[in-house]
Amino acid sequence: RRIQGSLMADAFCSILASLFTSMPNTTFSQNNGVIAMTKCASRRAGIATGFWLIIMGVFAKIAGVITSIPDCVLGGMTIFLFANVLISGITLFGELNL
């Protein structure tokens, strides 16, 4: 039931975006891997994360600190994150009875 509701919401938002001549929405399947890694699927955690991202985007000092991180460090963190997401996704597939 939850999956059906989320698919309907995604379809509705994509149709609404196309009516306003915007790009349709996409769902990010890597979130499933992050949820499997952290064991946290709380809406409150998502809202809190969104709040902090908005705060960090509004204040220029915080943006300056984030943009001062070297590209090689960000690249290494990105590789580490997506490797973990890949491994947790493979683990999820291994748990299925296909």
Protein backbone atom coordinates (compact mmCIF):
# COMPACT_ATOMS: atom_id res chain seq x y z
CA ARG A 1 0.00 0.00 0.00
CA ARG A 2 2.83 2.39 0.81
CA ILE A 3 4.57 1.68 -2.49
CA GLN A 4 1.35 2.27 -4.41
CA GLY A 5 0.86 5.62 -2.66
CA SER A 6 4.41 6.75 -3.33
CA LEU A 7 4.18 5.75 -6.99
CA MET A 8 0.93 7.68 -7.34
CA ALA A 9 2.46 10.74 -5.65
CA ASP A 10 5.51 10.54 -7.92
CA ALA A 11 3.31 10.26 -11.02
CA PHE A 12 1.11 13.16 -9.89
CA CYS A 13 4.11 15.41 -9.21
CA SER A 14 5.66 14.54 -12.58
CA ILE A 15 2.42 15.37 -14.39
CA LEU A 16 2.12 18.61 -12.42
CA ALA A 17 5.73 19.52 -13.28
CA SER A 18 5.12 18.91 -16.97
CA LEU A 19 2.06 21.17 -16.89
CA PHE A 20 4.29 23.95 -15.60
CA THR A 21 6.87 23.20 -18.33
CA SER A 22 9.38 21.87 -15.85
CA MET A 23 11.39 18.68 -15.69
CA PRO A 24 9.62 15.68 -14.15
CA ASN A 25 10.63 14.37 -10.76
CA THR A 26 12.88 11.39 -10.29
CA THR A 27 13.12 9.05 -7.37
CA PHE A 28 16.53 8.22 -5.99
CA SER A 29 16.99 4.52 -5.42
CA GLN A 30 20.26 5.08 -3.58
CA ASN A 31 18.16 6.25 -0.65
CA ASN A 32 17.21 2.61 -0.11
CA GLY A 33 20.87 1.78 0.37
CA VAL A 34 21.35 4.68 2.78
CA ILE A 35 18.32 3.57 4.79
CA ALA A 36 19.64 0.01 4.87
CA MET A 37 23.03 1.28 6.11
CA THR A 38 21.78 3.71 8.75
CA LYS A 39 18.62 1.82 9.80
CA CYS A 40 16.87 5.21 9.90
CA ALA A 41 13.78 5.76 7.74
CA SER A 42 12.13 8.40 9.92
CA ARG A 43 10.30 11.31 8.31
CA ARG A 44 11.47 13.52 11.17
CA ALA A 45 15.09 12.77 10.24
CA GLY A 46 14.38 13.73 6.61
CA ILE A 47 12.68 16.98 7.62
CA ALA A 48 15.54 17.83 10.00
CA THR A 49 18.07 17.13 7.24
CA GLY A 50 16.15 19.37 4.84
CA PHE A 51 16.06 22.13 7.46
CA TRP A 52 19.82 21.97 8.00
CA LEU A 53 20.49 21.94 4.26
CA ILE A 54 18.40 25.10 3.83
CA ILE A 55 20.16 26.80 6.75
CA MET A 56 23.58 25.87 5.36
CA GLY A 57 22.57 27.17 1.92
CA VAL A 58 21.32 30.49 3.23
CA PHE A 59 24.35 31.48 5.31
CA ALA A 60 27.35 32.35 3.16
CA LYS A 61 29.93 31.56 5.86
CA ILE A 62 28.83 27.92 5.98
CA ALA A 63 28.79 27.74 2.18
CA GLY A 64 32.33 29.15 2.16
CA VAL A 65 33.55 26.43 4.50
CA ILE A 66 31.93 23.72 2.39
CA THR A 67 33.31 25.09 -0.88
CA SER A 68 36.83 25.27 0.62
CA ILE A 69 36.96 21.45 0.91
CA PRO A 70 39.40 20.19 -1.76
CA ASP A 71 37.95 18.31 -4.74
CA CYS A 72 40.01 15.20 -4.04
CA VAL A 73 38.51 14.95 -0.53
CA LEU A 74 34.98 15.33 -1.89
CA GLY A 75 35.74 12.75 -4.58
CA GLY A 76 37.01 10.27 -2.00
CA MET A 77 33.96 10.82 0.19
CA THR A 78 31.66 10.35 -2.79
CA ILE A 79 33.35 7.12 -3.85
CA PHE A 80 33.15 5.82 -0.28
CA LEU A 81 29.46 6.74 0.04
CA PHE A 82 28.36 5.20 -3.25
CA ALA A 83 30.47 2.09 -2.70
CA ASN A 84 28.65 1.59 0.60
CA VAL A 85 25.30 2.18 -1.08
CA LEU A 86 26.24 -0.33 -3.80
CA ILE A 87 27.23 -2.96 -1.25
CA SER A 88 24.04 -2.49 0.76
CA GLY A 89 21.99 -2.70 -2.46
CA ILE A 90 23.71 -5.95 -3.43
CA THR A 91 23.02 -7.23 0.10
CA LEU A 92 19.34 -6.32 -0.28
CA PHE A 93 19.19 -8.25 -3.57
CA GLY A 94 20.82 -11.21 -1.87
CA GLU A 95 18.04 -11.30 0.73
CA LEU A 96 15.32 -11.59 -1.94
CA ASN A 97 13.99 -14.94 -3.02
CA LEU A 98 14.09 -14.55 -6.78
